[in-house]
Amino acid sequence: MFSIAAAPLLCMFIGALVSATPVARQSLCSPNFEGAGVSIIAGDAEWTVAPVVAGTPLKKDGDPFPPNATANWHVEQTGSANATYLVKAITNNELVVDVVSNQLTLEQIASSKQTQIWDIKCKQCVSGASSTPGGGEFASGCSIVSVPSGLCATLEMGSEFLGLTECNPVVAQTWSFWTATSS
């Protein structure tokens, strides 16, 4: 039978075990977009959409030069306690990035649609988008995760479209945010 007197001893033992276990932690940040128009880039590809109408799938635009010439997106915090975001088309803020059949598409904004909410965590963030005047990278090493599914936005191999897949630290799921040189 377990004795109440043994509880402190057990707690000390568990505490020693936990502190002796090495834990690799990497500090992640949530970008502050400050209302700036941004480009979302992985490697040499950028998120694009054309035409900017509901139901249009997002594509990757290869070899953009310069990569942040024109902003395509506004990324806004949802206001929740944990930093989550909506990704809106810059030319029509009523259209947001949504998930339809594991593909990223533009859809009409709907406050009740959880598939329109994204968790964005980065390895490096500048204090905010306005800290990069004239265009430049202000957040890098970012994962963009669909809140309800836990899947990551991905540049799918062999496809021109953006989709969702299991999260892995691969280039196809590692995003950077750039302020645009023009909007």
C-alpha atoms as a PDB file:
ATOM      1  CA  MET A   1       0.000   0.000   0.000  1.00  0.00           C
ATOM      2  CA  PHE A   2       1.245   3.492  -0.880  1.00  0.00           C
ATOM      3  CA  SER A   3       2.068   5.713   2.080  1.00  0.00           C
ATOM      4  CA  ILE A   4       1.458   9.467   2.092  1.00  0.00           C
ATOM      5  CA  ALA A   5       4.915   9.836   3.617  1.00  0.00           C
ATOM      6  CA  ALA A   6       6.434   8.307   0.459  1.00  0.00           C
ATOM      7  CA  ALA A   7       4.833  10.943  -1.818  1.00  0.00           C
ATOM      8  CA  PRO A   8       7.571  13.589  -1.325  1.00  0.00           C
ATOM      9  CA  LEU A   9      10.261  10.986  -1.977  1.00  0.00           C
ATOM     10  CA  LEU A  10       8.493   9.856  -5.164  1.00  0.00           C
ATOM     11  CA  CYS A  11       8.173  13.470  -6.355  1.00  0.00           C
ATOM     12  CA  MET A  12      11.903  14.051  -5.785  1.00  0.00           C
ATOM     13  CA  PHE A  13      12.747  10.880  -7.735  1.00  0.00           C
ATOM     14  CA  ILE A  14      10.519  11.851 -10.689  1.00  0.00           C
ATOM     15  CA  GLY A  15      11.898  15.406 -10.630  1.00  0.00           C
ATOM     16  CA  ALA A  16      15.471  14.093 -10.775  1.00  0.00           C
ATOM     17  CA  LEU A  17      14.565  11.805 -13.678  1.00  0.00           C
ATOM     18  CA  VAL A  18      12.947  14.603 -15.660  1.00  0.00           C
ATOM     19  CA  SER A  19      15.795  17.056 -15.089  1.00  0.00           C
ATOM     20  CA  ALA A  20      18.359  14.420 -16.087  1.00  0.00           C
ATOM     21  CA  THR A  21      16.624  13.793 -19.412  1.00  0.00           C
ATOM     22  CA  PRO A  22      18.069  16.056 -22.129  1.00  0.00           C
ATOM     23  CA  VAL A  23      15.350  17.923 -23.987  1.00  0.00           C
ATOM     24  CA  ALA A  24      16.192  19.591 -27.274  1.00  0.00           C
ATOM     25  CA  ARG A  25      14.157  22.769 -27.336  1.00  0.00           C
ATOM     26  CA  GLN A  26      14.094  25.356 -29.999  1.00  0.00           C
ATOM     27  CA  SER A  27      12.470  28.660 -29.307  1.00  0.00           C
ATOM     28  CA  LEU A  28       9.846  29.528 -31.916  1.00  0.00           C
ATOM     29  CA  CYS A  29       8.241  32.892 -32.593  1.00  0.00           C
ATOM     30  CA  SER A  30       4.934  34.096 -34.001  1.00  0.00           C
ATOM     31  CA  PRO A  31       5.415  36.824 -36.639  1.00  0.00           C
ATOM     32  CA  ASN A  32       3.920  40.287 -36.214  1.00  0.00           C
ATOM     33  CA  PHE A  33       2.594  41.191 -39.656  1.00  0.00           C
ATOM     34  CA  GLU A  34       1.486  44.697 -38.597  1.00  0.00           C
ATOM     35  CA  GLY A  35      -1.035  44.843 -41.455  1.00  0.00           C
ATOM     36  CA  ALA A  36       1.693  44.817 -44.100  1.00  0.00           C
ATOM     37  CA  GLY A  37       1.225  43.107 -47.433  1.00  0.00           C
ATOM     38  CA  VAL A  38       3.494  40.071 -47.650  1.00  0.00           C
ATOM     39  CA  SER A  39       4.821  37.393 -49.943  1.00  0.00           C
ATOM     40  CA  ILE A  40       4.967  33.789 -48.693  1.00  0.00           C
ATOM     41  CA  ILE A  41       8.022  31.997 -50.086  1.00  0.00           C
ATOM     42  CA  ALA A  42       9.652  28.553 -49.832  1.00  0.00           C
ATOM     43  CA  GLY A  43      12.917  28.026 -51.667  1.00  0.00           C
ATOM     44  CA  ASP A  44      12.383  29.606 -55.077  1.00  0.00           C
ATOM     45  CA  ALA A  45       8.567  29.379 -55.078  1.00  0.00           C
ATOM     46  CA  GLU A  46       5.945  31.832 -53.902  1.00  0.00           C
ATOM     47  CA  TRP A  47       2.232  31.473 -53.018  1.00  0.00           C
ATOM     48  CA  THR A  48       0.106  32.888 -55.826  1.00  0.00           C
ATOM     49  CA  VAL A  49      -3.501  32.752 -56.921  1.00  0.00           C
ATOM     50  CA  ALA A  50      -5.125  33.760 -60.195  1.00  0.00           C
ATOM     51  CA  PRO A  51      -7.843  34.672 -60.691  1.00  0.00           C
ATOM     52  CA  VAL A  52      -8.578  36.080 -57.235  1.00  0.00           C
ATOM     53  CA  VAL A  53     -12.051  34.558 -56.912  1.00  0.00           C
ATOM     54  CA  ALA A  54     -13.587  32.065 -54.486  1.00  0.00           C
ATOM     55  CA  GLY A  55     -12.806  28.447 -55.320  1.00  0.00           C
ATOM     56  CA  THR A  56      -9.452  29.151 -56.989  1.00  0.00           C
ATOM     57  CA  PRO A  57      -6.624  26.836 -55.858  1.00  0.00           C
ATOM     58  CA  LEU A  58      -3.351  28.357 -54.699  1.00  0.00           C
ATOM     59  CA  LYS A  59      -0.364  27.733 -56.927  1.00  0.00           C
ATOM     60  CA  LYS A  60       3.345  27.955 -56.526  1.00  0.00           C
ATOM     61  CA  ASP A  61       5.009  30.534 -58.722  1.00  0.00           C
ATOM     62  CA  GLY A  62       8.513  29.314 -59.456  1.00  0.00           C
ATOM     63  CA  ASP A  63      11.554  31.539 -59.731  1.00  0.00           C
ATOM     64  CA  PRO A  64       9.985  34.829 -58.681  1.00  0.00           C
ATOM     65  CA  PHE A  65      12.367  37.714 -59.225  1.00  0.00           C
ATOM     66  CA  PRO A  66      12.587  39.637 -57.092  1.00  0.00           C
ATOM     67  CA  PRO A  67      10.793  37.282 -54.710  1.00  0.00           C
ATOM     68  CA  ASN A  68       8.911  40.070 -52.978  1.00  0.00           C
ATOM     69  CA  ALA A  69       8.143  42.448 -55.840  1.00  0.00           C
ATOM     70  CA  THR A  70       4.411  42.551 -55.130  1.00  0.00           C
ATOM     71  CA  ALA A  71       2.559  41.433 -52.033  1.00  0.00           C
ATOM     72  CA  ASN A  72      -0.214  38.883 -52.502  1.00  0.00           C
ATOM     73  CA  TRP A  73      -1.360  38.414 -48.892  1.00  0.00           C
ATOM     74  CA  HIS A  74      -2.467  40.091 -45.686  1.00  0.00           C
ATOM     75  CA  VAL A  75      -1.923  37.840 -42.672  1.00  0.00           C
ATOM     76  CA  GLU A  76      -4.060  38.858 -39.709  1.00  0.00           C
ATOM     77  CA  GLN A  77      -4.238  37.489 -36.188  1.00  0.00           C
ATOM     78  CA  THR A  78      -7.617  36.040 -35.261  1.00  0.00           C
ATOM     79  CA  GLY A  79      -7.540  37.583 -31.785  1.00  0.00           C
ATOM     80  CA  SER A  80      -7.390  34.256 -29.962  1.00  0.00           C
ATOM     81  CA  ALA A  81      -5.160  33.814 -26.898  1.00  0.00           C
ATOM     82  CA  ASN A  82      -2.812  31.619 -28.945  1.00  0.00           C
ATOM     83  CA  ALA A  83      -1.565  33.476 -32.014  1.00  0.00           C
ATOM     84  CA  THR A  84      -3.541  32.070 -34.930  1.00  0.00           C
ATOM     85  CA  TYR A  85      -4.031  33.744 -38.281  1.00  0.00           C
ATOM     86  CA  LEU A  86      -6.208  34.268 -41.350  1.00  0.00           C
ATOM     87  CA  VAL A  87      -4.389  34.568 -44.689  1.00  0.00           C
ATOM     88  CA  LYS A  88      -6.322  37.011 -46.894  1.00  0.00           C
ATOM     89  CA  ALA A  89      -5.921  37.878 -50.558  1.00  0.00           C
ATOM     90  CA  ILE A  90      -4.508  41.382 -50.668  1.00  0.00           C
ATOM     91  CA  THR A  91      -6.757  42.421 -53.563  1.00  0.00           C
ATOM     92  CA  ASN A  92      -9.919  41.129 -51.833  1.00  0.00           C
ATOM     93  CA  ASN A  93      -9.806  40.812 -48.034  1.00  0.00           C
ATOM     94  CA  GLU A  94     -13.128  38.919 -48.084  1.00  0.00           C
ATOM     95  CA  LEU A  95     -11.290  35.931 -49.616  1.00  0.00           C
ATOM     96  CA  VAL A  96      -9.068  33.810 -47.367  1.00  0.00           C
ATOM     97  CA  VAL A  97      -6.901  30.728 -47.736  1.00  0.00           C
ATOM     98  CA  ASP A  98      -9.023  27.704 -46.848  1.00  0.00           C
ATOM     99  CA  VAL A  99      -8.641  23.938 -47.132  1.00  0.00           C
ATOM    100  CA  VAL A 100     -10.823  21.985 -49.538  1.00  0.00           C
ATOM    101  CA  SER A 101      -9.980  18.285 -50.015  1.00  0.00           C
ATOM    102  CA  ASN A 102      -6.441  18.844 -48.621  1.00  0.00           C
ATOM    103  CA  GLN A 103      -5.814  21.568 -51.207  1.00  0.00           C
ATOM    104  CA  LEU A 104      -5.328  25.253 -50.397  1.00  0.00           C
ATOM    105  CA  THR A 105      -7.955  27.406 -52.102  1.00  0.00           C
ATOM    106  CA  LEU A 106      -9.393  30.885 -51.804  1.00  0.00           C
ATOM    107  CA  GLU A 107     -12.836  30.930 -50.225  1.00  0.00           C
ATOM    108  CA  GLN A 108     -15.240  33.516 -48.842  1.00  0.00           C
ATOM    109  CA  ILE A 109     -14.353  34.381 -45.242  1.00  0.00           C
ATOM    110  CA  ALA A 110     -16.627  32.672 -42.709  1.00  0.00           C
ATOM    111  CA  SER A 111     -16.133  33.145 -38.964  1.00  0.00           C
ATOM    112  CA  SER A 112     -17.348  29.628 -38.234  1.00  0.00           C
ATOM    113  CA  LYS A 113     -14.925  27.832 -40.612  1.00  0.00           C
ATOM    114  CA  GLN A 114     -12.005  26.455 -38.630  1.00  0.00           C
ATOM    115  CA  THR A 115     -10.301  25.349 -41.879  1.00  0.00           C
ATOM    116  CA  GLN A 116      -9.512  29.024 -42.528  1.00  0.00           C
ATOM    117  CA  ILE A 117      -7.420  29.365 -39.348  1.00  0.00           C
ATOM    118  CA  TRP A 118      -3.644  28.856 -39.409  1.00  0.00           C
ATOM    119  CA  ASP A 119      -0.958  28.440 -36.771  1.00  0.00           C
ATOM    120  CA  ILE A 120       2.306  30.055 -37.880  1.00  0.00           C
ATOM    121  CA  LYS A 121       5.509  29.402 -35.949  1.00  0.00           C
ATOM    122  CA  CYS A 122       8.926  30.528 -37.139  1.00  0.00           C
ATOM    123  CA  LYS A 123      12.532  29.932 -36.178  1.00  0.00           C
ATOM    124  CA  GLN A 124      13.371  33.602 -36.618  1.00  0.00           C
ATOM    125  CA  CYS A 125      11.228  36.760 -36.512  1.00  0.00           C
ATOM    126  CA  VAL A 126      12.229  40.394 -36.835  1.00  0.00           C
ATOM    127  CA  SER A 127      10.243  42.539 -34.401  1.00  0.00           C
ATOM    128  CA  GLY A 128       7.617  43.215 -37.073  1.00  0.00           C
ATOM    129  CA  ALA A 129       6.908  43.689 -40.740  1.00  0.00           C
ATOM    130  CA  SER A 130       7.420  47.453 -40.532  1.00  0.00           C
ATOM    131  CA  SER A 131      11.016  46.771 -39.443  1.00  0.00           C
ATOM    132  CA  THR A 132      11.843  45.758 -43.024  1.00  0.00           C
ATOM    133  CA  PRO A 133      11.106  48.928 -45.027  1.00  0.00           C
ATOM    134  CA  GLY A 134      11.686  48.667 -48.745  1.00  0.00           C
ATOM    135  CA  GLY A 135      10.950  44.968 -48.771  1.00  0.00           C
ATOM    136  CA  GLY A 136      12.709  42.109 -47.118  1.00  0.00           C
ATOM    137  CA  GLU A 137      12.454  38.931 -45.128  1.00  0.00           C
ATOM    138  CA  PHE A 138      11.070  39.427 -41.616  1.00  0.00           C
ATOM    139  CA  ALA A 139      10.205  35.848 -40.618  1.00  0.00           C
ATOM    140  CA  SER A 140      11.953  32.642 -41.691  1.00  0.00           C
ATOM    141  CA  GLY A 141      11.939  28.922 -41.009  1.00  0.00           C
ATOM    142  CA  CYS A 142       8.168  29.055 -40.598  1.00  0.00           C
ATOM    143  CA  SER A 143       5.614  26.274 -40.543  1.00  0.00           C
ATOM    144  CA  ILE A 144       2.055  27.106 -41.587  1.00  0.00           C
ATOM    145  CA  VAL A 145      -0.256  24.596 -39.946  1.00  0.00           C
ATOM    146  CA  SER A 146      -3.993  24.132 -40.461  1.00  0.00           C
ATOM    147  CA  VAL A 147      -5.442  24.468 -36.942  1.00  0.00           C
ATOM    148  CA  PRO A 148      -8.168  21.810 -37.154  1.00  0.00           C
ATOM    149  CA  SER A 149      -6.128  19.127 -38.956  1.00  0.00           C
ATOM    150  CA  GLY A 150      -2.602  19.784 -37.662  1.00  0.00           C
ATOM    151  CA  LEU A 151      -1.323  19.310 -41.232  1.00  0.00           C
ATOM    152  CA  CYS A 152       1.247  21.625 -42.842  1.00  0.00           C
ATOM    153  CA  ALA A 153       0.948  23.783 -45.944  1.00  0.00           C
ATOM    154  CA  THR A 154       3.181  22.100 -48.518  1.00  0.00           C
ATOM    155  CA  LEU A 155       4.561  22.637 -52.010  1.00  0.00           C
ATOM    156  CA  GLU A 156       3.591  19.210 -53.274  1.00  0.00           C
ATOM    157  CA  MET A 157       6.215  17.458 -55.409  1.00  0.00           C
ATOM    158  CA  GLY A 158       5.227  17.285 -59.051  1.00  0.00           C
ATOM    159  CA  SER A 159       2.244  19.560 -58.547  1.00  0.00           C
ATOM    160  CA  GLU A 160       1.770  23.225 -59.279  1.00  0.00           C
ATOM    161  CA  PHE A 161      -0.744  23.507 -56.419  1.00  0.00           C
ATOM    162  CA  LEU A 162      -0.337  23.930 -52.661  1.00  0.00           C
ATOM    163  CA  GLY A 163      -1.738  21.287 -50.364  1.00  0.00           C
ATOM    164  CA  LEU A 164      -1.644  19.897 -46.834  1.00  0.00           C
ATOM    165  CA  THR A 165       0.502  16.979 -45.715  1.00  0.00           C
ATOM    166  CA  GLU A 166       1.938  15.556 -42.490  1.00  0.00           C
ATOM    167  CA  CYS A 167       4.370  18.043 -40.976  1.00  0.00           C
ATOM    168  CA  ASN A 168       8.081  17.335 -41.569  1.00  0.00           C
ATOM    169  CA  PRO A 169      10.959  19.802 -41.424  1.00  0.00           C
ATOM    170  CA  VAL A 170      11.478  19.844 -45.183  1.00  0.00           C
ATOM    171  CA  VAL A 171      12.064  22.724 -47.591  1.00  0.00           C
ATOM    172  CA  ALA A 172       8.613  22.170 -49.129  1.00  0.00           C
ATOM    173  CA  GLN A 173       7.066  23.103 -45.741  1.00  0.00           C
ATOM    174  CA  THR A 174       9.518  25.763 -44.602  1.00  0.00           C
ATOM    175  CA  TRP A 175       8.209  29.240 -45.382  1.00  0.00           C
ATOM    176  CA  SER A 176       9.523  32.764 -45.187  1.00  0.00           C
ATOM    177  CA  PHE A 177       7.504  35.962 -45.047  1.00  0.00           C
ATOM    178  CA  TRP A 178       8.712  39.013 -46.969  1.00  0.00           C
ATOM    179  CA  THR A 179       7.359  42.524 -47.037  1.00  0.00           C
ATOM    180  CA  ALA A 180       6.873  43.656 -50.596  1.00  0.00           C
ATOM    181  CA  THR A 181       8.896  46.255 -52.432  1.00  0.00           C
ATOM    182  CA  SER A 182       5.526  47.467 -53.769  1.00  0.00           C
ATOM    183  CA  SER A 183       1.921  46.552 -53.017  1.00  0.00           C
END
